[in-house]
Amino acid sequence: MSQNKRAPAFFAGHGNPMNAIENNEFTRSLNSLGKSIEKPKAILAISAHWYVPYAAVSVHESDELMYDMFGFPDKLYEVEYKAENSDFLISKLQLEYEYVKVENRGLDHGVWSILVHLFPDADIPVTQISINSNLSLKEHYELGRRLSVLRDEGVMIIASGNVTHNLREVNWASGAKAESWAVDFDRYIADAIVNKDFESLIDVTSPYFNLAHPTIEHYIPLLYIAGAMNDEDESSFTYEGIELGTMSMRNWLVK
């Protein structure tokens, strides 16, 4: 990638961890997207599954992944993704935080379950940053704005969560019909994105917010992509749909 080529930003609704090893419409959309965009210099990943009360950046000292999910088939725990660290990002990230810890931590499933389809060759260096639980929604958005400058250096920002994420309400029945509240909240978010009304992502007025997100960690990654979007960027939904009755799998590309 040329130094002046601005890399995209991408919000991935990762959903069921089994997507990592399945061939379905969602995973095929990731594979098609990876083929349609120019390969970035590096990836900065933000995952709902690294939610801690401090700012941190990961360095994986081995190829071992985090298999941070339980009760799934053995095949899921055999997935490999041997991406190198994007070490040059550490000093750059330290400029954006007053204090950031550097931790030896493998990529979690919120990251590798997406990357195995998006960039299956694992030939792009990856660094992950934590979601600092001490920050407000507005502060997460503002951090996304600051991190946006990395896109000008060819760094793709990938944030992984879900537009709706309430595991207590999931319906595991085959072909489960989407619940009306999940459809309504998903549409609320989609409308805000289309209209670039990012204040509505920060100060959410939908009555279904707490039902869609009993805990907030799967929602926050969306704010980093909103923050990373510039006025000249275009955005598109590369996949949308409600799975398991309640889980929005909406994916959002900014480029």
Protein backbone atom coordinates (compact mmCIF):
# COMPACT_ATOMS: atom_id res chain seq x y z
CA MET A 1 0.00 0.00 0.00
CA SER A 2 1.31 3.45 -0.85
CA GLN A 3 1.93 5.67 2.14
CA ASN A 4 -0.73 8.13 1.02
CA LYS A 5 -3.49 5.56 0.57
CA ARG A 6 -6.07 5.96 3.32
CA ALA A 7 -7.08 2.62 4.81
CA PRO A 8 -10.72 1.81 5.58
CA ALA A 9 -12.37 1.41 8.95
CA PHE A 10 -14.74 -1.47 9.61
CA PHE A 11 -17.27 -2.46 12.26
CA ALA A 12 -17.88 -6.20 12.35
CA GLY A 13 -20.81 -7.81 14.10
CA HIS A 14 -19.06 -11.06 15.04
CA GLY A 15 -21.98 -12.89 16.64
CA ASN A 16 -21.79 -16.62 17.33
CA PRO A 17 -18.14 -17.80 17.63
CA MET A 18 -19.04 -20.74 15.37
CA ASN A 19 -18.97 -18.28 12.47
CA ALA A 20 -15.19 -18.67 12.59
CA ILE A 21 -15.44 -22.18 11.12
CA GLU A 22 -18.65 -21.92 9.12
CA ASN A 23 -19.26 -21.15 5.47
CA ASN A 24 -22.40 -19.05 5.39
CA GLU A 25 -23.69 -15.81 3.91
CA PHE A 26 -22.12 -13.76 6.69
CA THR A 27 -18.66 -15.32 6.48
CA ARG A 28 -18.71 -15.16 2.67
CA SER A 29 -19.44 -11.44 2.90
CA LEU A 30 -16.29 -11.00 4.99
CA ASN A 31 -14.23 -12.95 2.48
CA SER A 32 -15.60 -10.90 -0.41
CA LEU A 33 -14.86 -7.67 1.41
CA GLY A 34 -11.27 -8.67 2.06
CA LYS A 35 -10.79 -9.33 -1.64
CA SER A 36 -12.38 -6.03 -2.67
CA ILE A 37 -10.20 -3.65 -0.66
CA GLU A 38 -6.51 -2.91 -0.95
CA LYS A 39 -4.45 -4.78 1.61
CA PRO A 40 -3.69 -2.48 4.56
CA LYS A 41 -0.23 -1.97 6.03
CA ALA A 42 -1.45 -3.10 9.45
CA ILE A 43 -4.62 -3.65 11.44
CA LEU A 44 -5.61 -1.97 14.69
CA ALA A 45 -8.28 -4.14 16.30
CA ILE A 46 -10.80 -3.25 19.00
CA SER A 47 -12.88 -6.09 20.42
CA ALA A 48 -15.79 -6.30 22.83
CA HIS A 49 -13.90 -9.15 24.49
CA TRP A 50 -11.12 -6.98 25.86
CA TYR A 51 -13.08 -4.76 28.22
CA VAL A 52 -10.96 -3.70 31.19
CA PRO A 53 -10.69 -0.62 33.46
CA TYR A 54 -7.52 0.69 31.81
CA ALA A 55 -5.96 1.45 28.43
CA ALA A 56 -3.77 -1.31 27.04
CA VAL A 57 -2.20 -2.48 23.80
CA SER A 58 -1.42 -6.11 23.04
CA VAL A 59 1.80 -7.77 21.98
CA HIS A 60 1.36 -11.46 21.23
CA GLU A 61 4.69 -13.17 21.89
CA SER A 62 3.51 -16.45 20.35
CA ASP A 63 1.06 -17.54 17.68
CA GLU A 64 -1.36 -18.90 20.28
CA LEU A 65 -4.83 -17.38 20.16
CA MET A 66 -7.21 -16.76 23.04
CA TYR A 67 -10.01 -19.31 22.92
CA ASP A 68 -12.17 -17.20 25.19
CA MET A 69 -15.45 -19.08 24.73
CA PHE A 70 -16.80 -22.24 26.31
CA GLY A 71 -18.84 -25.29 25.35
CA PHE A 72 -18.21 -25.28 21.60
CA PRO A 73 -16.99 -28.12 19.33
CA ASP A 74 -13.30 -29.04 19.46
CA LYS A 75 -12.78 -27.79 15.91
CA LEU A 76 -13.32 -24.20 17.04
CA TYR A 77 -10.42 -24.47 19.50
CA GLU A 78 -8.14 -25.67 16.71
CA VAL A 79 -8.43 -22.47 14.66
CA GLU A 80 -5.08 -20.79 13.97
CA TYR A 81 -4.32 -17.25 12.85
CA LYS A 82 -0.60 -16.56 12.84
CA ALA A 83 -0.50 -12.82 12.23
CA GLU A 84 2.56 -10.86 13.31
CA ASN A 85 2.43 -7.91 15.71
CA SER A 86 2.24 -4.45 14.19
CA ASP A 87 4.90 -3.26 16.62
CA PHE A 88 5.31 0.20 15.09
CA LEU A 89 1.81 1.06 16.32
CA ILE A 90 2.77 0.87 19.98
CA SER A 91 4.68 4.16 20.04
CA LYS A 92 1.95 5.82 18.01
CA LEU A 93 -0.74 4.61 20.38
CA GLN A 94 1.21 5.85 23.36
CA LEU A 95 0.85 9.35 21.92
CA GLU A 96 -2.94 9.04 22.01
CA TYR A 97 -3.17 7.93 25.65
CA GLU A 98 -1.88 9.55 28.79
CA TYR A 99 -0.90 6.09 29.92
CA VAL A 100 -1.18 2.78 28.13
CA LYS A 101 -0.07 -0.64 29.36
CA VAL A 102 1.62 -3.04 26.97
CA GLU A 103 0.39 -6.58 27.64
CA ASN A 104 1.37 -9.98 26.29
CA ARG A 105 -2.03 -11.13 25.07
CA GLY A 106 -3.15 -13.31 22.20
CA LEU A 107 -5.87 -12.13 19.84
CA ASP A 108 -9.32 -12.90 21.28
CA HIS A 109 -12.16 -14.51 19.34
CA GLY A 110 -13.80 -11.16 18.66
CA VAL A 111 -10.80 -10.45 16.44
CA TRP A 112 -9.68 -13.77 14.97
CA SER A 113 -13.17 -15.05 14.19
CA ILE A 114 -13.48 -12.10 11.80
CA LEU A 115 -9.94 -12.05 10.42
CA VAL A 116 -9.90 -15.74 9.44
CA HIS A 117 -12.48 -14.83 6.78
CA LEU A 118 -11.55 -11.23 6.02
CA PHE A 119 -7.81 -11.81 5.54
CA PRO A 120 -7.36 -15.61 5.69
CA ASP A 121 -3.65 -15.54 4.78
CA ALA A 122 -2.81 -13.86 8.12
CA ASP A 123 -0.19 -11.79 6.31
CA ILE A 124 -1.14 -8.40 7.80
CA PRO A 125 0.35 -7.39 11.19
CA VAL A 126 -2.26 -6.95 13.92
CA THR A 127 -2.28 -5.02 17.16
CA GLN A 128 -5.25 -4.95 19.51
CA ILE A 129 -6.20 -2.23 21.98
CA SER A 130 -8.44 -2.63 24.99
CA ILE A 131 -11.78 -0.98 25.58
CA ASN A 132 -11.24 1.13 28.70
CA SER A 133 -14.38 0.69 30.81
CA ASN A 134 -13.67 3.96 32.65
CA LEU A 135 -14.44 6.04 29.56
CA SER A 136 -17.85 7.43 28.66
CA LEU A 137 -19.47 6.71 25.30
CA LYS A 138 -18.49 10.18 24.13
CA GLU A 139 -14.89 9.60 25.19
CA HIS A 140 -14.77 6.35 23.20
CA TYR A 141 -16.06 8.24 20.16
CA GLU A 142 -13.47 10.98 20.64
CA LEU A 143 -10.72 8.38 20.95
CA GLY A 144 -11.88 6.94 17.65
CA ARG A 145 -11.50 10.42 16.14
CA ARG A 146 -7.91 10.63 17.37
CA LEU A 147 -7.06 7.14 16.15
CA SER A 148 -8.44 8.01 12.71
CA VAL A 149 -5.09 9.56 11.75
CA LEU A 150 -3.64 6.05 11.60
CA ARG A 151 -5.79 5.37 8.55
CA ASP A 152 -3.70 7.92 6.64
CA GLU A 153 -0.68 5.69 7.27
CA GLY A 154 -2.38 2.61 5.84
CA VAL A 155 -3.66 1.17 9.14
CA MET A 156 -7.12 -0.39 8.92
CA ILE A 157 -9.19 0.03 12.08
CA ILE A 158 -11.42 -2.97 12.76
CA ALA A 159 -13.87 -2.81 15.66
CA SER A 160 -15.74 -5.98 16.59
CA GLY A 161 -18.97 -6.17 18.59
CA ASN A 162 -22.68 -6.32 17.72
CA VAL A 163 -25.39 -3.72 17.15
CA THR A 164 -27.61 -5.83 19.43
CA HIS A 165 -26.25 -8.28 21.97
CA ASN A 166 -28.49 -9.82 24.61
CA LEU A 167 -27.53 -13.45 25.11
CA ARG A 168 -30.36 -14.04 27.59
CA GLU A 169 -32.90 -13.35 24.83
CA VAL A 170 -31.25 -15.42 22.08
CA ASN A 171 -33.49 -17.97 20.37
CA TRP A 172 -31.45 -21.01 19.30
CA ALA A 173 -34.32 -22.53 17.30
CA SER A 174 -33.59 -22.99 13.61
CA GLY A 175 -34.94 -20.09 11.55
CA ALA A 176 -35.99 -18.10 14.62
CA LYS A 177 -37.98 -14.98 13.72
CA ALA A 178 -36.36 -11.65 14.55
CA GLU A 179 -37.82 -9.99 17.64
CA SER A 180 -39.41 -6.62 16.91
CA TRP A 181 -37.28 -4.78 19.48
CA ALA A 182 -34.07 -6.06 17.85
CA VAL A 183 -35.30 -4.97 14.42
CA ASP A 184 -36.27 -1.54 15.76
CA PHE A 185 -32.98 -0.94 17.53
CA ASP A 186 -30.98 -2.16 14.54
CA ARG A 187 -32.90 0.29 12.34
CA TYR A 188 -32.31 3.12 14.82
CA ILE A 189 -28.55 2.53 14.56
CA ALA A 190 -28.63 2.14 10.77
CA ASP A 191 -30.56 5.40 10.35
CA ALA A 192 -28.10 7.25 12.59
CA ILE A 193 -25.18 5.95 10.54
CA VAL A 194 -26.76 6.77 7.18
CA ASN A 195 -27.56 10.30 8.37
CA LYS A 196 -24.15 10.70 10.03
CA ASP A 197 -26.05 11.52 13.21
CA PHE A 198 -23.36 10.24 15.51
CA GLU A 199 -24.77 12.14 18.48
CA SER A 200 -27.61 9.61 18.37
CA LEU A 201 -25.04 6.84 18.78
CA ILE A 202 -23.61 8.56 21.86
CA ASP A 203 -26.84 9.79 23.47
CA VAL A 204 -29.11 6.90 22.54
CA THR A 205 -32.82 7.71 22.66
CA SER A 206 -34.14 4.32 21.55
CA PRO A 207 -36.31 2.77 24.28
CA TYR A 208 -34.72 -0.60 23.44
CA PHE A 209 -31.12 0.34 24.23
CA ASN A 210 -30.94 -1.48 27.57
CA LEU A 211 -32.70 -4.53 26.11
CA ALA A 212 -30.32 -4.59 23.15
CA HIS A 213 -27.32 -4.15 25.46
CA PRO A 214 -27.75 -5.32 29.06
CA THR A 215 -23.98 -4.76 29.19
CA ILE A 216 -22.26 -2.18 27.05
CA GLU A 217 -19.06 -3.81 25.77
CA HIS A 218 -20.50 -5.07 22.46
CA TYR A 219 -21.92 -1.64 21.63
CA ILE A 220 -18.82 0.47 22.28
CA PRO A 221 -16.75 -0.75 19.27
CA LEU A 222 -19.30 0.89 16.95
CA LEU A 223 -18.34 4.29 18.36
CA TYR A 224 -14.71 3.87 17.31
CA ILE A 225 -15.74 3.50 13.67
CA ALA A 226 -18.09 6.48 13.92
CA GLY A 227 -15.19 8.48 15.32
CA ALA A 228 -12.81 7.23 12.64
CA MET A 229 -15.07 8.44 9.82
CA ASN A 230 -14.10 11.69 8.09
CA ASP A 231 -16.37 14.05 6.15
CA GLU A 232 -15.02 12.82 2.82
CA ASP A 233 -15.56 9.15 3.64
CA GLU A 234 -18.35 7.03 2.25
CA SER A 235 -19.93 4.24 4.22
CA SER A 236 -21.87 1.10 3.39
CA PHE A 237 -23.39 -1.88 5.14
CA THR A 238 -21.59 -4.95 3.84
CA TYR A 239 -23.90 -7.32 5.69
CA GLU A 240 -27.11 -6.97 7.67
CA GLY A 241 -29.58 -9.31 9.29
CA ILE A 242 -30.87 -10.55 12.64
CA GLU A 243 -29.65 -13.98 13.70
CA LEU A 244 -30.86 -16.16 16.59
CA GLY A 245 -33.92 -13.93 16.89
CA THR A 246 -32.15 -11.04 18.60
CA MET A 247 -28.56 -10.61 17.40
CA SER A 248 -27.91 -7.98 14.75
CA MET A 249 -25.05 -8.97 12.46
CA ARG A 250 -24.85 -5.57 10.74
CA ASN A 251 -21.39 -4.80 9.38
CA TRP A 252 -20.33 -1.25 8.50
CA LEU A 253 -17.51 -0.23 6.17
CA VAL A 254 -16.06 3.28 6.03
CA LYS A 255 -13.65 4.21 3.23
